[in-house]
């Protein structure tokens, strides 16, 4: 009991601290991918928090065709470090090479989750009809449009009701259910 008493809070801290920072890095990557306005205050917040670590990495790893490879590499490495720490805390031993493989499905799951939450927030905001010039609304629109626009083509609004977010969210959850378990099995991930 004493061991779990200290282990559970440590696991919580590792997951929370690493998870938040990795999510910020992934969001920064996605914002660059969708060419979001980086003068947006929310974008500036993300850039300010991630630049100190990314700036030196970018000197070594250049971008490729609009993809910020340094952000992807940093997110991957940090996720691997998180999984190594969790493995040690859970008694799985020190497995840094295995954690590099385990980090791949974990990051894919994180990207899918970011899109799911962004679509959900966009739907909830649409009910209260926020100011279209609000920086958060603009950022959410930019982030979710690459997924929602194809869904709107597939299922146009019916009697003024847009069901495309539901279609997109169902597709994302199905992707999560069909893609992640085989990837976890392939990499031998215990997480």
N, C-alpha and C. Protein backbone atom coordinates (compact mmCIF):
# COMPACT_ATOMS: atom_id res chain seq x y z
N UNK A 1 0.82 -1.20 0.00
CA UNK A 1 0.00 0.00 0.00
C UNK A 1 0.86 1.26 0.00
N UNK A 2 1.96 1.25 0.72
CA UNK A 2 2.82 2.42 0.81
C UNK A 2 3.42 2.75 -0.55
N UNK A 3 3.79 1.70 -1.29
CA UNK A 3 4.38 1.93 -2.61
C UNK A 3 3.38 2.60 -3.56
N UNK A 4 2.16 2.09 -3.61
CA UNK A 4 1.13 2.67 -4.47
C UNK A 4 0.74 4.05 -3.99
N UNK A 5 0.87 4.28 -2.69
CA UNK A 5 0.53 5.59 -2.12
C UNK A 5 1.38 6.69 -2.75
N UNK A 6 2.65 6.41 -2.99
CA UNK A 6 3.54 7.40 -3.60
C UNK A 6 3.59 7.27 -5.11
N UNK A 7 3.40 6.06 -5.62
CA UNK A 7 3.51 5.83 -7.06
C UNK A 7 2.36 6.49 -7.83
N UNK A 8 1.14 6.37 -7.35
CA UNK A 8 0.00 6.94 -8.07
C UNK A 8 0.10 8.45 -8.24
N UNK A 9 0.47 9.23 -7.21
CA UNK A 9 0.64 10.67 -7.43
C UNK A 9 1.77 10.98 -8.41
N UNK A 10 2.85 10.18 -8.36
CA UNK A 10 3.95 10.41 -9.30
C UNK A 10 3.51 10.13 -10.74
N UNK A 11 2.76 9.07 -10.93
CA UNK A 11 2.23 8.75 -12.26
C UNK A 11 1.33 9.88 -12.74
N UNK A 12 0.48 10.36 -11.85
CA UNK A 12 -0.40 11.49 -12.20
C UNK A 12 0.41 12.71 -12.61
N UNK A 13 1.45 13.04 -11.86
CA UNK A 13 2.28 14.21 -12.19
C UNK A 13 3.00 14.04 -13.53
N UNK A 14 3.56 12.87 -13.76
CA UNK A 14 4.27 12.62 -15.03
C UNK A 14 3.30 12.74 -16.19
N UNK A 15 2.14 12.09 -16.08
CA UNK A 15 1.16 12.14 -17.17
C UNK A 15 0.67 13.56 -17.41
N UNK A 16 0.41 14.29 -16.35
CA UNK A 16 -0.13 15.64 -16.48
C UNK A 16 0.89 16.60 -17.07
N UNK A 17 2.08 16.65 -16.48
CA UNK A 17 3.08 17.62 -16.94
C UNK A 17 3.55 17.32 -18.37
N UNK A 18 3.90 16.07 -18.62
CA UNK A 18 4.32 15.71 -19.97
C UNK A 18 3.15 15.84 -20.95
N UNK A 19 1.98 15.38 -20.54
CA UNK A 19 0.82 15.42 -21.42
C UNK A 19 0.45 16.82 -21.86
N UNK A 20 0.46 17.77 -20.93
CA UNK A 20 0.13 19.15 -21.29
C UNK A 20 1.14 19.74 -22.26
N UNK A 21 2.43 19.51 -21.98
CA UNK A 21 3.45 20.11 -22.86
C UNK A 21 3.46 19.44 -24.23
N UNK A 22 3.31 18.14 -24.26
CA UNK A 22 3.26 17.43 -25.55
C UNK A 22 2.04 17.87 -26.33
N UNK A 23 0.91 18.06 -25.66
CA UNK A 23 -0.29 18.54 -26.34
C UNK A 23 -0.05 19.93 -26.93
N UNK A 24 0.64 20.79 -26.21
CA UNK A 24 0.96 22.13 -26.75
C UNK A 24 1.83 22.02 -28.00
N UNK A 25 2.80 21.13 -27.98
CA UNK A 25 3.67 20.96 -29.14
C UNK A 25 2.88 20.41 -30.33
N UNK A 26 2.01 19.45 -30.07
CA UNK A 26 1.17 18.89 -31.15
C UNK A 26 0.23 19.96 -31.69
N UNK A 27 -0.34 20.76 -30.80
CA UNK A 27 -1.23 21.84 -31.25
C UNK A 27 -0.45 22.84 -32.09
N UNK A 28 0.78 23.14 -31.68
CA UNK A 28 1.61 24.06 -32.48
C UNK A 28 1.85 23.48 -33.87
N UNK A 29 2.16 22.19 -33.94
CA UNK A 29 2.35 21.53 -35.23
C UNK A 29 1.08 21.63 -36.08
N UNK A 30 -0.06 21.33 -35.48
CA UNK A 30 -1.32 21.36 -36.22
C UNK A 30 -1.68 22.78 -36.67
N UNK A 31 -1.41 23.77 -35.82
CA UNK A 31 -1.69 25.16 -36.20
C UNK A 31 -0.83 25.58 -37.38
N UNK A 32 0.41 25.12 -37.41
CA UNK A 32 1.26 25.43 -38.57
C UNK A 32 0.77 24.69 -39.80
N UNK A 33 0.31 23.47 -39.61
CA UNK A 33 -0.18 22.66 -40.72
C UNK A 33 -1.40 23.31 -41.38
N UNK A 34 -2.32 23.85 -40.55
CA UNK A 34 -3.53 24.48 -41.10
C UNK A 34 -3.30 25.95 -41.43
N UNK A 35 -2.08 26.42 -41.25
CA UNK A 35 -1.70 27.81 -41.53
C UNK A 35 -2.57 28.81 -40.74
N UNK A 36 -2.65 28.54 -39.45
CA UNK A 36 -3.40 29.43 -38.56
C UNK A 36 -2.66 30.75 -38.41
N UNK A 37 -3.39 31.77 -38.04
CA UNK A 37 -2.81 33.10 -37.82
C UNK A 37 -1.94 33.06 -36.57
N UNK A 38 -0.64 33.25 -36.73
CA UNK A 38 0.25 33.19 -35.58
C UNK A 38 0.32 34.51 -34.83
N UNK A 39 -0.44 35.51 -35.27
CA UNK A 39 -0.57 36.74 -34.49
C UNK A 39 -1.78 36.66 -33.56
N UNK A 40 -2.52 35.59 -33.67
CA UNK A 40 -3.64 35.32 -32.78
C UNK A 40 -3.08 35.17 -31.36
N UNK A 41 -3.71 35.77 -30.33
CA UNK A 41 -3.16 35.68 -28.98
C UNK A 41 -3.01 34.24 -28.47
N UNK A 42 -3.91 33.36 -28.86
CA UNK A 42 -3.80 31.97 -28.42
C UNK A 42 -2.62 31.29 -29.10
N UNK A 43 -2.43 31.58 -30.38
CA UNK A 43 -1.26 31.05 -31.09
C UNK A 43 0.02 31.57 -30.47
N UNK A 44 0.02 32.84 -30.12
CA UNK A 44 1.20 33.44 -29.48
C UNK A 44 1.51 32.76 -28.15
N UNK A 45 0.47 32.42 -27.40
CA UNK A 45 0.64 31.70 -26.14
C UNK A 45 1.33 30.36 -26.38
N UNK A 46 0.84 29.62 -27.38
CA UNK A 46 1.41 28.30 -27.70
C UNK A 46 2.86 28.46 -28.16
N UNK A 47 3.11 29.44 -29.02
CA UNK A 47 4.46 29.67 -29.53
C UNK A 47 5.41 30.06 -28.40
N UNK A 48 4.96 30.92 -27.51
CA UNK A 48 5.80 31.37 -26.40
C UNK A 48 6.20 30.21 -25.49
N UNK A 49 5.28 29.31 -25.24
CA UNK A 49 5.58 28.18 -24.35
C UNK A 49 6.44 27.10 -25.01
N UNK A 50 6.36 26.98 -26.33
CA UNK A 50 7.09 25.90 -27.00
C UNK A 50 8.39 26.34 -27.65
N UNK A 51 8.55 27.61 -27.92
CA UNK A 51 9.75 28.09 -28.62
C UNK A 51 11.07 27.83 -27.90
N UNK A 52 11.15 28.00 -26.58
CA UNK A 52 12.46 27.78 -25.94
C UNK A 52 13.04 26.39 -26.21
N UNK A 53 12.20 25.39 -26.32
CA UNK A 53 12.70 24.04 -26.57
C UNK A 53 12.84 23.79 -28.07
N UNK A 54 11.94 24.35 -28.86
CA UNK A 54 11.95 24.09 -30.30
C UNK A 54 13.02 24.88 -31.06
N UNK A 55 13.32 26.08 -30.60
CA UNK A 55 14.26 26.94 -31.33
C UNK A 55 15.60 26.24 -31.58
N UNK A 56 16.26 25.66 -30.56
CA UNK A 56 17.53 24.98 -30.84
C UNK A 56 17.36 23.74 -31.73
N UNK A 57 16.26 23.06 -31.57
CA UNK A 57 16.01 21.86 -32.37
C UNK A 57 15.81 22.21 -33.85
N UNK A 58 15.22 23.36 -34.11
CA UNK A 58 14.97 23.78 -35.50
C UNK A 58 16.27 24.09 -36.25
N UNK A 59 17.31 24.42 -35.52
CA UNK A 59 18.60 24.69 -36.18
C UNK A 59 19.18 23.42 -36.78
N UNK A 60 18.80 22.28 -36.20
CA UNK A 60 19.30 20.99 -36.66
C UNK A 60 18.31 20.31 -37.61
N UNK A 61 17.01 20.47 -37.32
CA UNK A 61 15.97 19.78 -38.10
C UNK A 61 15.10 20.80 -38.81
N UNK A 62 15.29 20.97 -40.12
CA UNK A 62 14.47 21.94 -40.85
C UNK A 62 13.06 21.40 -41.12
N UNK A 63 12.17 22.31 -41.47
CA UNK A 63 10.83 21.92 -41.87
C UNK A 63 10.84 21.31 -43.26
N UNK A 64 9.76 20.66 -43.62
CA UNK A 64 9.65 20.05 -44.94
C UNK A 64 8.25 20.25 -45.47
N UNK A 65 8.13 21.03 -46.56
CA UNK A 65 6.85 21.29 -47.22
C UNK A 65 5.76 21.76 -46.26
N UNK A 66 6.10 22.67 -45.41
CA UNK A 66 5.13 23.23 -44.48
C UNK A 66 4.92 22.41 -43.22
N UNK A 67 5.61 21.29 -43.11
CA UNK A 67 5.51 20.46 -41.91
C UNK A 67 6.69 20.78 -40.99
N UNK A 68 6.39 21.07 -39.76
CA UNK A 68 7.40 21.39 -38.76
C UNK A 68 7.92 20.09 -38.16
N UNK A 69 8.95 19.54 -38.79
CA UNK A 69 9.48 18.25 -38.36
C UNK A 69 10.10 18.31 -36.97
N UNK A 70 10.62 19.48 -36.59
CA UNK A 70 11.21 19.62 -35.25
C UNK A 70 10.13 19.44 -34.18
N UNK A 71 8.95 19.98 -34.42
CA UNK A 71 7.85 19.81 -33.45
C UNK A 71 7.45 18.34 -33.34
N UNK A 72 7.35 17.68 -34.48
CA UNK A 72 7.00 16.25 -34.45
C UNK A 72 8.04 15.43 -33.70
N UNK A 73 9.31 15.70 -33.99
CA UNK A 73 10.37 14.96 -33.33
C UNK A 73 10.37 15.22 -31.83
N UNK A 74 10.20 16.48 -31.44
CA UNK A 74 10.18 16.82 -30.02
C UNK A 74 9.00 16.15 -29.32
N UNK A 75 7.82 16.19 -29.92
CA UNK A 75 6.65 15.53 -29.32
C UNK A 75 6.90 14.04 -29.18
N UNK A 76 7.48 13.42 -30.19
CA UNK A 76 7.77 11.99 -30.17
C UNK A 76 8.76 11.64 -29.06
N UNK A 77 9.85 12.42 -28.97
CA UNK A 77 10.86 12.15 -27.94
C UNK A 77 10.32 12.38 -26.53
N UNK A 78 9.56 13.46 -26.35
CA UNK A 78 8.99 13.72 -25.03
C UNK A 78 7.98 12.65 -24.63
N UNK A 79 7.20 12.18 -25.59
CA UNK A 79 6.25 11.10 -25.31
C UNK A 79 7.01 9.84 -24.93
N UNK A 80 8.12 9.57 -25.61
CA UNK A 80 8.93 8.39 -25.27
C UNK A 80 9.51 8.52 -23.86
N UNK A 81 9.99 9.71 -23.50
CA UNK A 81 10.52 9.93 -22.15
C UNK A 81 9.41 9.72 -21.12
N UNK A 82 8.22 10.26 -21.41
CA UNK A 82 7.09 10.07 -20.50
C UNK A 82 6.79 8.58 -20.31
N UNK A 83 6.78 7.83 -21.39
CA UNK A 83 6.47 6.40 -21.31
C UNK A 83 7.57 5.62 -20.60
N UNK A 84 8.83 6.04 -20.75
CA UNK A 84 9.93 5.41 -20.00
C UNK A 84 9.72 5.64 -18.51
N UNK A 85 9.42 6.88 -18.13
CA UNK A 85 9.18 7.19 -16.72
C UNK A 85 8.00 6.42 -16.17
N UNK A 86 6.92 6.35 -16.94
CA UNK A 86 5.75 5.59 -16.50
C UNK A 86 6.08 4.10 -16.37
N UNK A 87 6.86 3.60 -17.31
CA UNK A 87 7.26 2.20 -17.25
C UNK A 87 8.07 1.89 -16.00
N UNK A 88 8.98 2.79 -15.66
CA UNK A 88 9.79 2.61 -14.45
C UNK A 88 8.89 2.67 -13.21
N UNK A 89 7.99 3.65 -13.17
CA UNK A 89 7.10 3.78 -12.02
C UNK A 89 6.15 2.59 -11.86
N UNK A 90 5.76 1.99 -12.98
CA UNK A 90 4.84 0.85 -12.96
C UNK A 90 5.56 -0.49 -12.82
N UNK A 91 6.89 -0.45 -12.75
CA UNK A 91 7.65 -1.68 -12.57
C UNK A 91 7.93 -2.43 -13.85
N UNK A 92 7.83 -1.77 -15.00
CA UNK A 92 8.11 -2.43 -16.28
C UNK A 92 9.59 -2.39 -16.64
N UNK A 93 10.37 -1.67 -15.85
CA UNK A 93 11.79 -1.55 -16.11
C UNK A 93 12.10 -0.40 -17.06
N UNK A 94 13.37 -0.19 -17.27
CA UNK A 94 13.83 0.89 -18.14
C UNK A 94 13.90 0.37 -19.58
N UNK A 95 13.00 0.87 -20.44
CA UNK A 95 12.93 0.40 -21.82
C UNK A 95 12.88 1.58 -22.80
N UNK A 96 13.99 2.31 -22.95
CA UNK A 96 13.94 3.51 -23.79
C UNK A 96 13.69 3.23 -25.28
N UNK A 97 14.25 2.18 -25.81
CA UNK A 97 14.03 1.89 -27.24
C UNK A 97 12.60 1.46 -27.50
N UNK A 98 12.05 0.66 -26.61
CA UNK A 98 10.65 0.24 -26.76
C UNK A 98 9.73 1.44 -26.63
N UNK A 99 10.07 2.37 -25.75
CA UNK A 99 9.23 3.56 -25.54
C UNK A 99 9.18 4.42 -26.81
N UNK A 100 10.23 4.41 -27.60
CA UNK A 100 10.19 5.15 -28.87
C UNK A 100 9.12 4.59 -29.79
N UNK A 101 8.96 3.28 -29.79
CA UNK A 101 7.90 2.66 -30.60
C UNK A 101 6.53 2.89 -29.97
N UNK A 102 6.45 2.78 -28.64
CA UNK A 102 5.17 2.98 -27.95
C UNK A 102 4.65 4.39 -28.14
N UNK A 103 5.54 5.34 -28.34
CA UNK A 103 5.14 6.74 -28.46
C UNK A 103 4.37 7.01 -29.76
N UNK A 104 4.58 6.20 -30.77
CA UNK A 104 3.92 6.44 -32.07
C UNK A 104 2.40 6.32 -31.97
N UNK A 105 1.84 5.20 -31.47
CA UNK A 105 0.38 5.16 -31.35
C UNK A 105 -0.15 6.17 -30.34
N UNK A 106 0.64 6.46 -29.32
CA UNK A 106 0.20 7.44 -28.32
C UNK A 106 0.06 8.83 -28.95
N UNK A 107 1.00 9.20 -29.81
CA UNK A 107 0.91 10.52 -30.48
C UNK A 107 -0.22 10.56 -31.49
N UNK A 108 -0.42 9.48 -32.21
CA UNK A 108 -1.54 9.44 -33.16
C UNK A 108 -2.86 9.58 -32.41
N UNK A 109 -2.97 8.91 -31.28
CA UNK A 109 -4.16 9.04 -30.45
C UNK A 109 -4.34 10.46 -29.94
N UNK A 110 -3.24 11.13 -29.60
CA UNK A 110 -3.31 12.51 -29.14
C UNK A 110 -3.81 13.44 -30.25
N UNK A 111 -3.31 13.26 -31.45
CA UNK A 111 -3.75 14.10 -32.58
C UNK A 111 -5.25 13.91 -32.83
N UNK A 112 -5.71 12.67 -32.80
CA UNK A 112 -7.14 12.41 -33.00
C UNK A 112 -7.94 13.05 -31.88
N UNK A 113 -7.45 12.96 -30.65
CA UNK A 113 -8.15 13.57 -29.51
C UNK A 113 -8.20 15.08 -29.62
N UNK A 114 -7.13 15.69 -30.10
CA UNK A 114 -7.14 17.16 -30.28
C UNK A 114 -8.24 17.55 -31.26
N UNK A 115 -8.34 16.82 -32.36
CA UNK A 115 -9.39 17.13 -33.34
C UNK A 115 -10.79 16.88 -32.76
N UNK A 116 -10.94 15.79 -32.01
CA UNK A 116 -12.25 15.51 -31.40
C UNK A 116 -12.68 16.63 -30.45
N UNK A 117 -11.77 17.04 -29.58
CA UNK A 117 -12.11 18.09 -28.62
C UNK A 117 -12.33 19.44 -29.32
N UNK A 118 -11.53 19.72 -30.34
CA UNK A 118 -11.70 20.98 -31.07
C UNK A 118 -13.06 21.04 -31.76
N UNK A 119 -13.49 19.93 -32.35
CA UNK A 119 -14.81 19.88 -33.00
C UNK A 119 -15.91 20.01 -31.95
N UNK A 120 -15.76 19.32 -30.83
CA UNK A 120 -16.76 19.40 -29.76
C UNK A 120 -16.87 20.83 -29.22
N UNK A 121 -15.76 21.48 -29.00
CA UNK A 121 -15.78 22.87 -28.52
C UNK A 121 -16.41 23.78 -29.57
N UNK A 122 -16.10 23.54 -30.83
CA UNK A 122 -16.69 24.35 -31.90
C UNK A 122 -18.21 24.18 -31.93
N UNK A 123 -18.69 22.96 -31.74
CA UNK A 123 -20.14 22.70 -31.72
C UNK A 123 -20.78 23.44 -30.55
N UNK A 124 -20.19 23.31 -29.38
CA UNK A 124 -20.75 23.97 -28.20
C UNK A 124 -20.76 25.49 -28.38
N UNK A 125 -19.68 26.03 -28.95
CA UNK A 125 -19.64 27.48 -29.19
C UNK A 125 -20.68 27.91 -30.21
N UNK A 126 -21.00 27.04 -31.16
CA UNK A 126 -21.99 27.42 -32.17
C UNK A 126 -23.37 27.60 -31.55
N UNK A 127 -23.63 26.95 -30.43
CA UNK A 127 -24.93 27.08 -29.76
C UNK A 127 -25.09 28.45 -29.11
N UNK A 128 -23.98 29.06 -28.70
CA UNK A 128 -24.07 30.37 -28.03
C UNK A 128 -23.78 31.52 -28.98
N UNK A 129 -23.49 31.20 -30.24
CA UNK A 129 -23.25 32.20 -31.28
C UNK A 129 -22.23 33.26 -30.84
N UNK A 130 -20.96 32.86 -30.68
CA UNK A 130 -19.95 33.80 -30.22
C UNK A 130 -19.58 34.81 -31.29
N UNK A 131 -18.84 35.81 -30.87
CA UNK A 131 -18.33 36.82 -31.79
C UNK A 131 -17.43 36.13 -32.82
N UNK A 132 -17.72 36.25 -34.12
CA UNK A 132 -16.90 35.56 -35.12
C UNK A 132 -15.46 36.09 -35.18
N UNK A 133 -15.22 37.25 -34.60
CA UNK A 133 -13.87 37.81 -34.60
C UNK A 133 -13.09 37.43 -33.34
N UNK A 134 -13.69 36.61 -32.49
CA UNK A 134 -13.02 36.14 -31.29
C UNK A 134 -11.83 35.28 -31.72
N UNK A 135 -10.64 35.49 -31.12
CA UNK A 135 -9.46 34.72 -31.54
C UNK A 135 -9.62 33.21 -31.37
N UNK A 136 -10.33 32.78 -30.32
CA UNK A 136 -10.51 31.34 -30.11
C UNK A 136 -11.39 30.74 -31.19
N UNK A 137 -12.44 31.46 -31.59
CA UNK A 137 -13.34 30.97 -32.63
C UNK A 137 -12.59 30.84 -33.96
N UNK A 138 -11.81 31.84 -34.28
CA UNK A 138 -11.04 31.81 -35.52
C UNK A 138 -10.07 30.62 -35.53
N UNK A 139 -9.39 30.41 -34.42
CA UNK A 139 -8.44 29.31 -34.32
C UNK A 139 -9.13 27.95 -34.42
N UNK A 140 -10.26 27.80 -33.74
CA UNK A 140 -11.01 26.54 -33.83
C UNK A 140 -11.50 26.28 -35.25
N UNK A 141 -11.96 27.33 -35.91
CA UNK A 141 -12.42 27.17 -37.30
C UNK A 141 -11.27 26.72 -38.19
N UNK A 142 -10.12 27.34 -38.03
CA UNK A 142 -8.95 26.98 -38.85
C UNK A 142 -8.52 25.54 -38.59
N UNK A 143 -8.56 25.16 -37.32
CA UNK A 143 -8.10 23.83 -36.95
C UNK A 143 -9.06 22.73 -37.40
N UNK A 144 -10.34 22.99 -37.33
CA UNK A 144 -11.33 21.94 -37.64
C UNK A 144 -11.81 21.95 -39.09
N UNK A 145 -11.63 23.03 -39.81
CA UNK A 145 -12.09 23.09 -41.20
C UNK A 145 -11.56 21.96 -42.09
N UNK A 146 -10.27 21.57 -41.98
CA UNK A 146 -9.81 20.48 -42.85
C UNK A 146 -10.57 19.17 -42.65
N UNK A 147 -11.21 19.00 -41.51
CA UNK A 147 -12.00 17.79 -41.27
C UNK A 147 -13.48 18.04 -41.53
N UNK A 148 -13.97 19.21 -41.14
CA UNK A 148 -15.40 19.47 -41.26
C UNK A 148 -15.84 19.78 -42.69
N UNK A 149 -15.01 20.42 -43.48
CA UNK A 149 -15.41 20.76 -44.85
C UNK A 149 -15.68 19.49 -45.67
N UNK A 150 -14.79 18.47 -45.65
CA UNK A 150 -15.14 17.23 -46.37
C UNK A 150 -16.39 16.56 -45.81
N UNK A 151 -16.59 16.65 -44.49
CA UNK A 151 -17.79 16.06 -43.89
C UNK A 151 -19.04 16.81 -44.34
N UNK A 152 -18.93 18.14 -44.54
CA UNK A 152 -20.07 18.93 -45.02
C UNK A 152 -20.39 18.61 -46.46
N UNK A 153 -19.37 18.26 -47.24
CA UNK A 153 -19.62 17.84 -48.62
C UNK A 153 -20.36 16.50 -48.64
N UNK A 154 -19.97 15.64 -47.72
CA UNK A 154 -20.60 14.32 -47.62
C UNK A 154 -22.04 14.42 -47.12
N UNK A 155 -22.27 15.29 -46.13
CA UNK A 155 -23.60 15.46 -45.56
C UNK A 155 -23.88 16.95 -45.40
N UNK A 156 -24.47 17.57 -46.43
CA UNK A 156 -24.78 19.00 -46.34
C UNK A 156 -25.84 19.28 -45.26
N UNK A 157 -25.94 20.53 -44.82
CA UNK A 157 -26.95 20.86 -43.80
C UNK A 157 -28.36 20.43 -44.23
N UNK A 158 -29.10 19.90 -43.26
CA UNK A 158 -30.47 19.45 -43.50
C UNK A 158 -31.40 20.38 -42.72
N UNK A 159 -32.26 21.11 -43.43
CA UNK A 159 -33.19 22.06 -42.82
C UNK A 159 -32.46 23.05 -41.90
N UNK A 160 -31.28 23.47 -42.33
CA UNK A 160 -30.52 24.46 -41.56
C UNK A 160 -29.70 23.87 -40.43
N UNK A 161 -29.74 22.56 -40.24
CA UNK A 161 -28.98 21.93 -39.16
C UNK A 161 -27.77 21.21 -39.78
N UNK A 162 -26.59 21.60 -39.30
CA UNK A 162 -25.34 21.03 -39.81
C UNK A 162 -24.96 19.81 -38.98
N UNK A 163 -25.05 18.64 -39.60
CA UNK A 163 -24.70 17.40 -38.91
C UNK A 163 -23.28 16.94 -39.21
N UNK A 164 -22.53 17.75 -39.97
CA UNK A 164 -21.17 17.35 -40.33
C UNK A 164 -20.25 17.17 -39.12
N UNK A 165 -20.39 17.95 -38.02
CA UNK A 165 -19.52 17.66 -36.87
C UNK A 165 -19.76 16.26 -36.31
N UNK A 166 -21.01 15.81 -36.32
CA UNK A 166 -21.31 14.48 -35.83
C UNK A 166 -20.66 13.43 -36.74
N UNK A 167 -20.75 13.63 -38.04
CA UNK A 167 -20.13 12.70 -38.99
C UNK A 167 -18.61 12.67 -38.78
N UNK A 168 -18.02 13.85 -38.63
CA UNK A 168 -16.57 13.93 -38.43
C UNK A 168 -16.15 13.27 -37.13
N UNK A 169 -16.91 13.49 -36.07
CA UNK A 169 -16.55 12.89 -34.79
C UNK A 169 -16.71 11.37 -34.81
N UNK A 170 -17.75 10.89 -35.47
CA UNK A 170 -17.92 9.44 -35.61
C UNK A 170 -16.75 8.85 -36.39
N UNK A 171 -16.35 9.52 -37.47
CA UNK A 171 -15.22 9.04 -38.28
C UNK A 171 -13.93 9.04 -37.45
N UNK A 172 -13.71 10.08 -36.65
CA UNK A 172 -12.50 10.14 -35.83
C UNK A 172 -12.48 9.05 -34.76
N UNK A 173 -13.62 8.81 -34.13
CA UNK A 173 -13.68 7.75 -33.11
C UNK A 173 -13.47 6.38 -33.77
N UNK A 174 -14.07 6.17 -34.94
CA UNK A 174 -13.84 4.90 -35.65
C UNK A 174 -12.37 4.74 -36.02
N UNK A 175 -11.75 5.82 -36.48
CA UNK A 175 -10.33 5.79 -36.81
C UNK A 175 -9.51 5.42 -35.58
N UNK A 176 -9.87 6.02 -34.45
CA UNK A 176 -9.20 5.73 -33.19
C UNK A 176 -9.37 4.25 -32.81
N UNK A 177 -10.56 3.73 -32.98
CA UNK A 177 -10.86 2.35 -32.60
C UNK A 177 -10.20 1.34 -33.54
N UNK A 178 -10.10 1.69 -34.82
CA UNK A 178 -9.57 0.74 -35.80
C UNK A 178 -8.06 0.84 -35.98
N UNK A 179 -7.48 2.01 -35.72
CA UNK A 179 -6.06 2.22 -35.98
C UNK A 179 -5.19 1.98 -34.76
N UNK A 180 -5.62 2.47 -33.60
CA UNK A 180 -4.75 2.43 -32.43
C UNK A 180 -4.51 1.03 -31.85
N UNK A 181 -5.52 0.18 -31.70
CA UNK A 181 -5.22 -1.16 -31.14
C UNK A 181 -4.20 -1.96 -31.96
N UNK A 182 -4.31 -2.00 -33.31
CA UNK A 182 -3.27 -2.73 -34.05
C UNK A 182 -1.89 -2.09 -33.91
N UNK A 183 -1.84 -0.76 -33.86
CA UNK A 183 -0.54 -0.09 -33.69
C UNK A 183 0.05 -0.40 -32.32
N UNK A 184 -0.79 -0.41 -31.29
CA UNK A 184 -0.30 -0.74 -29.95
C UNK A 184 0.19 -2.20 -29.91
N UNK A 185 -0.54 -3.08 -30.56
CA UNK A 185 -0.13 -4.50 -30.60
C UNK A 185 1.17 -4.65 -31.37
N UNK A 186 1.29 -3.94 -32.47
CA UNK A 186 2.49 -4.02 -33.31
C UNK A 186 3.73 -3.52 -32.56
N UNK A 187 3.55 -2.46 -31.77
CA UNK A 187 4.70 -1.90 -31.03
C UNK A 187 4.87 -2.55 -29.67
N UNK A 188 3.92 -3.39 -29.26
CA UNK A 188 4.02 -4.04 -27.96
C UNK A 188 3.79 -3.09 -26.80
N UNK A 189 3.02 -2.05 -27.04
CA UNK A 189 2.79 -1.02 -26.03
C UNK A 189 1.92 -1.52 -24.88
N UNK A 190 2.40 -1.35 -23.65
CA UNK A 190 1.58 -1.73 -22.50
C UNK A 190 0.62 -0.62 -22.08
N UNK A 191 0.68 0.52 -22.76
CA UNK A 191 -0.14 1.68 -22.37
C UNK A 191 -1.31 1.87 -23.31
